[in-house]
Amino acid sequence: MTDAIYDNPTDELLGIINEEIRSLKQRLQEIDGQIEQYEQMVRREDQRNADVATTLQVMRDNIETMPREDIQTRYDEAMDVRFRLATMRGQLEQYKSTRDFIQGERQLLSDILARVQGGIQLSAEDGGNDEANSSTLNFVRIIQAQEDERRRLANQIHDGPAQSLTNFVLQAEIVQRMFDRDQETAKEELQNLKESASLTFQRVRDFITELRPMMLDDLGVIPTARRHIEAFSNKSDINVTEDIKGSEERRLERYQEVMLFRGLQDLMAHARDFAEAAEIEVRMNIGGDSAYIMVTDNGRAFDAEEELSSEHTDDPRARGIQMLRERFKLVNGDLTVSGGEGERTQVRIEMPVNEQ
């Protein structure tokens, strides 16, 4: 992200958007290269799979005369090829999905850039107005919040899956050397490697679920919220109580479900990470023309009125709530906070909703 100093928020916004568009263009070029590489790998593995299928057919035709060891070897080879092929195809689909997301994000930023530039011309003709400046500041904050979230995710990937994969490579090299000297010890290390891989795989699945739970698209916001609350409580050892109303079968517009679920995620994470709460109460209702989520915690209190009214607050929880409030205002929603020193903090988000 650019470190340039700007004279006004509009110039800052334009600089941020242009820098982000350049970054997304570079990421698209990189991911296109990865897609091309994986497509070549999948084609080669497809051919290997076809060759193995032919070999298996020959084996089946001569099953009575083939040695047992050869049958086992061919079977293991077939399983290995099919596993690699499935893994590569899954990775290829993930890269393509990421490319589609980045392309959509780039288009969105291009649209925002066009609107902001159009707004600049209008403001110049009208002599400028406070509403336009306020809107510009909101865009700046939202994009900065997006960058902060990406930085957080990058750190999580580096400290979690990336570090684990590095350890796998080292363990695999150790096992490879041990097999020539001490096969029993090598088998023990191989079992440890298998357990580590299983644990990391589960962590990666949890990480993906946190980023985008598939059940949100499949089942809707209420089942996904309940699942998230349960997992959150188990992992954090925080006592979480819930009171969720509305039909589980009711489906809202997709962006509304996403916003409500992300709001719930953010508010619970704020209570855990910044307030160090031991108890969280979640109330949620999507039964009417408007939906709301209210999260109450017994953690560290803060002066909501003072912190949220400041444009340069140092409180990370207040900054997060400011960003959340601005996101919901974009869809005619609202966010309110109550509580103070010695009181529980209560945050409520609400937005108009309609069914699909």
Protein backbone atom coordinates (compact mmCIF):
# COMPACT_ATOMS: atom_id res chain seq x y z
CA MET A 1 0.00 0.00 0.00
CA THR A 2 1.28 3.45 -0.83
CA ASP A 3 2.93 5.60 1.84
CA ALA A 4 2.41 8.87 -0.04
CA ILE A 5 1.16 11.91 1.87
CA TYR A 6 -1.97 13.59 0.50
CA ASP A 7 -3.41 17.04 1.04
CA ASN A 8 -7.05 15.88 1.24
CA PRO A 9 -9.07 12.68 1.69
CA THR A 10 -10.15 12.55 -1.96
CA ASP A 11 -6.57 12.47 -3.23
CA GLU A 12 -5.81 9.85 -0.59
CA LEU A 13 -8.73 7.73 -1.76
CA LEU A 14 -7.68 7.96 -5.40
CA GLY A 15 -4.13 7.01 -4.48
CA ILE A 16 -5.30 4.03 -2.42
CA ILE A 17 -7.65 2.77 -5.15
CA ASN A 18 -5.08 3.12 -7.93
CA GLU A 19 -2.44 1.37 -5.84
CA GLU A 20 -4.88 -1.41 -5.03
CA ILE A 21 -5.86 -1.85 -8.69
CA ARG A 22 -2.17 -2.14 -9.62
CA SER A 23 -1.69 -4.71 -6.86
CA LEU A 24 -4.69 -6.73 -8.03
CA LYS A 25 -3.41 -6.65 -11.62
CA GLN A 26 -0.09 -8.07 -10.45
CA ARG A 27 -1.84 -10.75 -8.40
CA LEU A 28 -3.94 -11.71 -11.42
CA GLN A 29 -0.80 -12.12 -13.53
CA GLU A 30 0.76 -14.31 -10.85
CA ILE A 31 -2.32 -16.47 -10.41
CA ASP A 32 -2.76 -16.84 -14.18
CA GLY A 33 0.77 -18.26 -14.25
CA GLN A 34 -0.09 -20.67 -11.44
CA ILE A 35 -3.27 -21.75 -13.25
CA GLU A 36 -1.33 -22.42 -16.45
CA GLN A 37 1.24 -24.45 -14.51
CA TYR A 38 -1.42 -26.54 -12.75
CA GLU A 39 -3.34 -27.09 -15.99
CA GLN A 40 -0.18 -28.61 -17.48
CA MET A 41 0.31 -30.76 -14.38
CA VAL A 42 -3.31 -31.94 -14.49
CA ARG A 43 -2.98 -32.86 -18.17
CA ARG A 44 0.14 -34.93 -17.43
CA GLU A 45 -1.50 -36.59 -14.43
CA ASP A 46 -4.63 -37.27 -16.52
CA GLN A 47 -2.46 -39.17 -19.00
CA ARG A 48 -0.81 -41.10 -16.18
CA ASN A 49 -4.23 -41.94 -14.79
CA ALA A 50 -5.34 -43.21 -18.21
CA ASP A 51 -2.19 -45.36 -18.45
CA VAL A 52 -2.77 -46.75 -14.97
CA ALA A 53 -6.41 -47.50 -15.83
CA THR A 54 -5.21 -49.50 -18.83
CA THR A 55 -2.74 -51.37 -16.65
CA LEU A 56 -5.46 -52.17 -14.12
CA GLN A 57 -7.67 -53.52 -16.88
CA VAL A 58 -4.86 -55.83 -18.03
CA MET A 59 -4.36 -56.87 -14.42
CA ARG A 60 -8.04 -57.70 -14.01
CA ASP A 61 -7.96 -59.79 -17.19
CA ASN A 62 -5.02 -61.77 -15.83
CA ILE A 63 -5.81 -61.65 -12.12
CA GLU A 64 -5.42 -65.41 -11.63
CA THR A 65 -1.86 -65.54 -12.96
CA MET A 66 -0.44 -62.29 -11.57
CA PRO A 67 1.71 -62.44 -8.41
CA ARG A 68 0.10 -60.91 -5.32
CA GLU A 69 2.96 -58.43 -4.93
CA ASP A 70 2.40 -57.09 -8.46
CA ILE A 71 -1.31 -56.65 -7.79
CA GLN A 72 -0.59 -54.68 -4.62
CA THR A 73 2.01 -52.55 -6.40
CA ARG A 74 -0.37 -51.69 -9.26
CA TYR A 75 -3.17 -50.93 -6.85
CA ASP A 76 -0.97 -48.62 -4.73
CA GLU A 77 0.23 -46.86 -7.87
CA ALA A 78 -3.34 -46.30 -9.04
CA MET A 79 -4.39 -44.90 -5.67
CA ASP A 80 -1.36 -42.60 -5.61
CA VAL A 81 -2.05 -41.27 -9.12
CA ARG A 82 -5.74 -40.68 -8.41
CA PHE A 83 -4.97 -38.95 -5.12
CA ARG A 84 -2.48 -36.60 -6.79
CA LEU A 85 -4.91 -35.93 -9.64
CA ALA A 86 -7.75 -35.10 -7.24
CA THR A 87 -5.43 -32.85 -5.22
CA MET A 88 -4.20 -31.02 -8.31
CA ARG A 89 -7.73 -30.54 -9.66
CA GLY A 90 -8.84 -29.21 -6.30
CA GLN A 91 -5.92 -26.78 -6.21
CA LEU A 92 -6.65 -25.71 -9.80
CA GLU A 93 -10.29 -25.00 -8.97
CA GLN A 94 -9.19 -23.01 -5.93
CA TYR A 95 -6.86 -20.90 -8.06
CA LYS A 96 -9.62 -20.29 -10.61
CA SER A 97 -12.05 -19.33 -7.86
CA THR A 98 -9.48 -16.93 -6.43
CA ARG A 99 -8.92 -15.43 -9.90
CA ASP A 100 -12.65 -14.86 -10.34
CA PHE A 101 -12.83 -13.19 -6.93
CA ILE A 102 -9.87 -10.91 -7.67
CA GLN A 103 -11.31 -9.99 -11.06
CA GLY A 104 -14.60 -9.05 -9.42
CA GLU A 105 -12.77 -7.03 -6.78
CA ARG A 106 -10.75 -5.23 -9.43
CA GLN A 107 -13.92 -4.38 -11.34
CA LEU A 108 -15.55 -3.10 -8.16
CA LEU A 109 -12.59 -0.83 -7.42
CA SER A 110 -12.63 0.41 -11.01
CA ASP A 111 -16.31 1.29 -10.61
CA ILE A 112 -15.60 3.06 -7.32
CA LEU A 113 -12.72 4.95 -8.95
CA ALA A 114 -15.00 6.13 -11.76
CA ARG A 115 -17.65 7.27 -9.27
CA VAL A 116 -15.14 9.09 -7.07
CA GLN A 117 -13.62 10.85 -10.07
CA GLY A 118 -17.12 11.79 -11.19
CA GLY A 119 -17.80 13.06 -7.70
CA ILE A 120 -14.69 15.21 -7.83
CA GLN A 121 -15.91 16.93 -10.99
CA LEU A 122 -19.35 17.48 -9.46
CA SER A 123 -17.86 18.85 -6.25
CA ALA A 124 -15.68 21.23 -8.23
CA GLU A 125 -18.75 22.56 -10.01
CA ASP A 126 -20.75 22.86 -6.77
CA GLY A 127 -17.90 24.25 -4.73
CA GLY A 128 -17.65 21.05 -2.63
CA ASN A 129 -19.85 19.80 0.18
CA ASP A 130 -19.48 18.07 3.54
CA GLU A 131 -21.51 15.04 2.47
CA ALA A 132 -19.13 14.25 -0.37
CA ASN A 133 -16.13 14.61 1.95
CA SER A 134 -17.77 12.32 4.49
CA SER A 135 -18.47 9.72 1.80
CA THR A 136 -14.87 9.91 0.65
CA LEU A 137 -13.60 9.38 4.17
CA ASN A 138 -15.84 6.34 4.50
CA PHE A 139 -14.41 4.84 1.32
CA VAL A 140 -10.88 5.47 2.59
CA ARG A 141 -11.61 3.75 5.89
CA ILE A 142 -13.30 0.77 4.25
CA ILE A 143 -10.43 0.16 1.85
CA GLN A 144 -7.88 0.60 4.65
CA ALA A 145 -9.84 -1.89 6.76
CA GLN A 146 -9.77 -4.31 3.84
CA GLU A 147 -6.00 -3.99 3.63
CA ASP A 148 -5.66 -4.53 7.38
CA GLU A 149 -7.74 -7.70 7.09
CA ARG A 150 -5.60 -8.98 4.22
CA ARG A 151 -2.47 -8.30 6.24
CA ARG A 152 -3.95 -10.24 9.17
CA LEU A 153 -4.83 -13.19 6.94
CA ALA A 154 -1.36 -13.17 5.37
CA ASN A 155 0.20 -13.31 8.83
CA GLN A 156 -2.10 -16.18 9.82
CA ILE A 157 -1.16 -18.14 6.71
CA HIS A 158 2.54 -17.48 7.27
CA ASP A 159 2.45 -18.47 10.94
CA GLY A 160 0.12 -21.44 10.41
CA PRO A 161 -0.10 -23.52 7.19
CA ALA A 162 3.05 -22.10 5.57
CA GLN A 163 5.19 -22.85 8.64
CA SER A 164 3.67 -26.33 8.98
CA LEU A 165 4.41 -27.12 5.32
CA THR A 166 8.02 -26.07 5.85
CA ASN A 167 8.22 -28.44 8.80
CA PHE A 168 6.74 -31.24 6.67
CA VAL A 169 9.53 -30.88 4.13
CA LEU A 170 12.17 -31.05 6.87
CA GLN A 171 10.54 -34.08 8.53
CA ALA A 172 10.22 -35.85 5.19
CA GLU A 173 13.95 -35.33 4.51
CA ILE A 174 14.79 -36.72 7.95
CA VAL A 175 12.61 -39.79 7.38
CA GLN A 176 14.18 -40.34 3.96
CA ARG A 177 17.68 -40.42 5.47
CA MET A 178 16.60 -42.65 8.37
CA PHE A 179 15.17 -45.39 6.15
CA ASP A 180 18.70 -46.34 5.06
CA ARG A 181 20.01 -46.59 8.66
CA ASP A 182 17.18 -47.29 11.09
CA GLN A 183 13.86 -48.30 9.56
CA GLU A 184 12.06 -48.67 12.90
CA THR A 185 12.90 -45.11 13.93
CA ALA A 186 11.99 -43.95 10.43
CA LYS A 187 8.56 -45.59 10.77
CA GLU A 188 7.99 -43.76 14.07
CA GLU A 189 8.96 -40.46 12.47
CA LEU A 190 6.69 -41.23 9.53
CA GLN A 191 3.79 -41.76 11.93
CA ASN A 192 4.59 -38.42 13.60
CA LEU A 193 4.62 -36.80 10.17
CA LYS A 194 1.22 -38.32 9.38
CA GLU A 195 -0.25 -37.00 12.64
CA SER A 196 1.19 -33.54 12.00
CA ALA A 197 -0.26 -33.55 8.50
CA SER A 198 -3.70 -34.50 9.83
CA LEU A 199 -3.58 -31.73 12.41
CA THR A 200 -2.48 -29.14 9.86
CA PHE A 201 -5.15 -30.30 7.44
CA GLN A 202 -7.79 -29.71 10.11
CA ARG A 203 -6.36 -26.25 10.83
CA VAL A 204 -6.46 -25.40 7.14
CA ARG A 205 -10.08 -26.55 6.97
CA ASP A 206 -10.91 -24.37 9.98
CA PHE A 207 -9.10 -21.46 8.34
CA ILE A 208 -11.06 -21.90 5.10
CA THR A 209 -14.31 -22.20 7.04
CA GLU A 210 -13.56 -18.97 8.85
CA LEU A 211 -12.88 -17.23 5.55
CA ARG A 212 -16.00 -18.48 3.83
CA PRO A 213 -18.17 -21.21 5.40
CA MET A 214 -19.80 -23.22 2.61
CA MET A 215 -22.87 -23.86 4.71
CA LEU A 216 -23.67 -20.14 4.55
CA ASP A 217 -24.46 -20.59 0.86
CA ASP A 218 -26.09 -23.98 1.35
CA LEU A 219 -28.16 -23.56 4.52
CA GLY A 220 -28.36 -19.86 5.33
CA VAL A 221 -27.32 -17.51 8.07
CA ILE A 222 -29.03 -19.07 11.13
CA PRO A 223 -27.51 -22.59 10.91
CA THR A 224 -24.14 -21.05 10.04
CA ALA A 225 -24.35 -18.66 13.00
CA ARG A 226 -25.17 -21.51 15.38
CA ARG A 227 -22.27 -23.57 14.05
CA HIS A 228 -19.89 -20.62 14.38
CA ILE A 229 -20.99 -19.87 17.94
CA GLU A 230 -20.46 -23.50 18.97
CA ALA A 231 -17.00 -23.70 17.36
CA PHE A 232 -16.03 -20.30 18.78
CA SER A 233 -16.99 -21.35 22.31
CA ASN A 234 -15.11 -24.65 22.07
CA LYS A 235 -11.90 -23.09 20.76
CA SER A 236 -11.82 -20.00 22.98
CA ASP A 237 -13.14 -21.47 26.26
CA ILE A 238 -15.50 -18.49 26.44
CA ASN A 239 -18.99 -19.13 27.76
CA VAL A 240 -21.30 -18.14 24.90
CA THR A 241 -25.08 -18.13 25.23
CA GLU A 242 -27.39 -17.61 22.28
CA ASP A 243 -30.96 -16.58 21.62
CA ILE A 244 -31.59 -16.90 17.88
CA LYS A 245 -35.05 -16.33 16.41
CA GLY A 246 -36.42 -16.74 12.92
CA SER A 247 -36.97 -19.66 10.59
CA GLU A 248 -33.85 -21.62 9.69
CA GLU A 249 -35.33 -22.19 6.25
CA ARG A 250 -35.69 -18.48 5.52
CA ARG A 251 -33.14 -17.32 2.96
CA LEU A 252 -32.22 -13.67 2.57
CA GLU A 253 -30.42 -11.94 -0.27
CA ARG A 254 -26.91 -13.38 -0.39
CA TYR A 255 -25.14 -10.12 0.45
CA GLN A 256 -27.46 -9.66 3.45
CA GLU A 257 -26.63 -13.10 4.81
CA VAL A 258 -22.93 -12.44 4.31
CA MET A 259 -23.08 -9.06 6.06
CA LEU A 260 -25.00 -10.42 9.04
CA PHE A 261 -22.67 -13.38 9.45
CA ARG A 262 -19.52 -11.25 9.07
CA GLY A 263 -20.96 -8.79 11.60
CA LEU A 264 -21.46 -11.63 14.07
CA GLN A 265 -17.93 -12.90 13.45
CA ASP A 266 -16.40 -9.47 13.94
CA LEU A 267 -18.30 -8.62 17.12
CA MET A 268 -17.47 -11.96 18.77
CA ALA A 269 -13.82 -11.63 17.73
CA HIS A 270 -13.69 -8.09 19.17
CA ALA A 271 -15.01 -9.37 22.50
CA ARG A 272 -12.43 -12.16 22.54
CA ASP A 273 -9.34 -10.39 21.22
CA PHE A 274 -9.70 -6.85 22.55
CA ALA A 275 -12.10 -7.01 25.48
CA GLU A 276 -10.77 -10.37 26.80
CA ALA A 277 -14.32 -11.36 27.70
CA ALA A 278 -15.15 -14.51 29.68
CA GLU A 279 -18.86 -14.40 28.80
CA ILE A 280 -20.62 -13.45 25.56
CA GLU A 281 -24.33 -13.32 24.90
CA VAL A 282 -25.60 -13.40 21.32
CA ARG A 283 -29.13 -12.39 20.34
CA MET A 284 -30.22 -12.62 16.73
CA ASN A 285 -33.50 -12.29 14.86
CA ILE A 286 -34.10 -12.43 11.09
CA GLY A 287 -37.84 -13.00 11.29
CA GLY A 288 -39.17 -9.62 10.16
CA ASP A 289 -38.55 -6.90 7.60
CA SER A 290 -35.33 -6.06 9.42
CA ALA A 291 -32.73 -8.31 11.02
CA TYR A 292 -30.56 -7.59 14.01
CA ILE A 293 -27.66 -9.10 15.92
CA MET A 294 -26.83 -7.99 19.44
CA VAL A 295 -23.62 -9.11 21.15
CA THR A 296 -23.08 -8.41 24.85
CA ASP A 297 -19.87 -9.20 26.71
CA ASN A 298 -18.42 -8.81 30.22
CA GLY A 299 -14.93 -7.88 29.04
CA ARG A 300 -12.90 -4.70 29.25
CA ALA A 301 -15.19 -1.72 28.85
CA PHE A 302 -14.45 1.38 26.79
CA ASP A 303 -15.99 4.81 26.40
CA ALA A 304 -18.04 4.08 23.29
CA GLU A 305 -19.28 7.62 22.76
CA GLU A 306 -15.82 9.17 22.95
CA GLU A 307 -13.91 6.49 21.04
CA LEU A 308 -16.41 6.07 18.22
CA SER A 309 -16.72 9.81 17.65
CA SER A 310 -12.96 10.13 17.16
CA GLU A 311 -11.54 9.77 13.66
CA HIS A 312 -8.13 8.76 15.02
CA THR A 313 -8.91 6.46 17.95
CA ASP A 314 -6.11 4.21 19.19
CA ASP A 315 -8.55 1.60 20.47
CA PRO A 316 -8.51 -1.33 17.99
CA ARG A 317 -11.97 -2.43 19.08
CA ALA A 318 -13.38 1.04 18.43
CA ARG A 319 -11.74 1.12 14.99
CA GLY A 320 -13.26 -2.26 14.15
CA ILE A 321 -16.70 -1.11 15.27
CA GLN A 322 -16.33 2.11 13.24
CA MET A 323 -15.63 0.08 10.10
CA LEU A 324 -18.54 -2.23 10.82
CA ARG A 325 -20.89 0.72 11.33
CA GLU A 326 -19.86 2.29 8.03
CA ARG A 327 -20.37 -1.00 6.15
CA PHE A 328 -23.90 -1.34 7.49
CA LYS A 329 -24.72 2.30 6.72
CA LEU A 330 -23.97 1.55 3.06
CA VAL A 331 -27.00 -0.80 3.05
CA ASN A 332 -29.24 1.48 5.13
CA GLY A 333 -28.37 -0.37 8.32
CA ASP A 334 -27.12 0.91 11.64
CA LEU A 335 -24.87 -0.01 14.54
CA THR A 336 -25.27 1.19 18.14
CA VAL A 337 -23.10 0.65 21.20
CA SER A 338 -23.98 0.96 24.86
CA GLY A 339 -22.00 0.39 28.04
CA GLY A 340 -19.24 2.06 29.94
CA GLU A 341 -16.87 1.62 32.85
CA GLY A 342 -18.14 -1.17 35.11
CA GLU A 343 -20.87 -2.14 32.65
CA ARG A 344 -21.21 -4.82 30.01
CA THR A 345 -20.60 -3.68 26.45
CA GLN A 346 -23.53 -4.21 24.12
CA VAL A 347 -23.24 -3.80 20.35
CA ARG A 348 -26.30 -4.04 18.11
CA ILE A 349 -26.30 -4.13 14.31
CA GLU A 350 -29.51 -3.92 12.31
CA MET A 351 -30.38 -3.80 8.64
CA PRO A 352 -33.48 -4.07 6.43
CA VAL A 353 -33.78 -7.49 4.79
CA ASN A 354 -35.84 -9.25 2.18
CA GLU A 355 -36.13 -12.86 1.07
CA GLN A 356 -34.54 -14.21 -2.08
